[in-house]
Amino acid sequence: MNNLLRKINMHKLMFLTIFCWLFVIKPLYGQESQAPHGDHVPDHNGLVLMHSNEKMHFEVVVVEAGGIELYLSDAIRMQLPAVTVSDVVVEIERTDGSVEFVNMAMSASGDAWSGPSKPVTDADSTVRIGFLFNGEPFFVDIPAMAFPPLRERMKLPMASPGEHHAA
């Protein structure tokens, strides 16, 4: 049990370190030039991340009233169709220990993935998203406090749209 607590605390420390780098330290040093991978301004009030192969960006939106949306774009942020990825899975890990599985489906227009959920209101919750891209699995955990609606509600400064890589 003690070993498990140590692992959990180590994950939290790693997560906070990355979060501070992306949303506190890096924005203080200004923007990179606008080139491929330079535009991380969200189009849907979400959080824009870059896939680890650097050929695709994805924007994860936590809808204030409840729900998750996923939008895809290429290296220069031109929209990609939702079929670019498959097998999209989303979980919301709440601070009470419960996990909500979000049933994601492609929109009728084919421009995004979305699914209904209870509203995410606790900054310490985690949104876990996964999908297949070019047949390769990809997963990322995102702290709820990283999403613009929750940051606004908590009166936290908005993050600069600098380079956000998802490992």
Foldseek 3Di string as FASTA:
>chain_A
DVVVVVVVVVVVVVQVVLVCVQFPVVVVVPADDQDFLRDQDDPPQFGWAAEPVLQKIKGWAQDQQWKIKIWIAGRNRHGDFAVQWDPKWKWKQDPVRDIDTFDWDADPVRGIIMGGGHHDADQQIWIKIWIAHPNRIDIAIDGSCLGRVNCVVVVHDHGDSGHHYGD
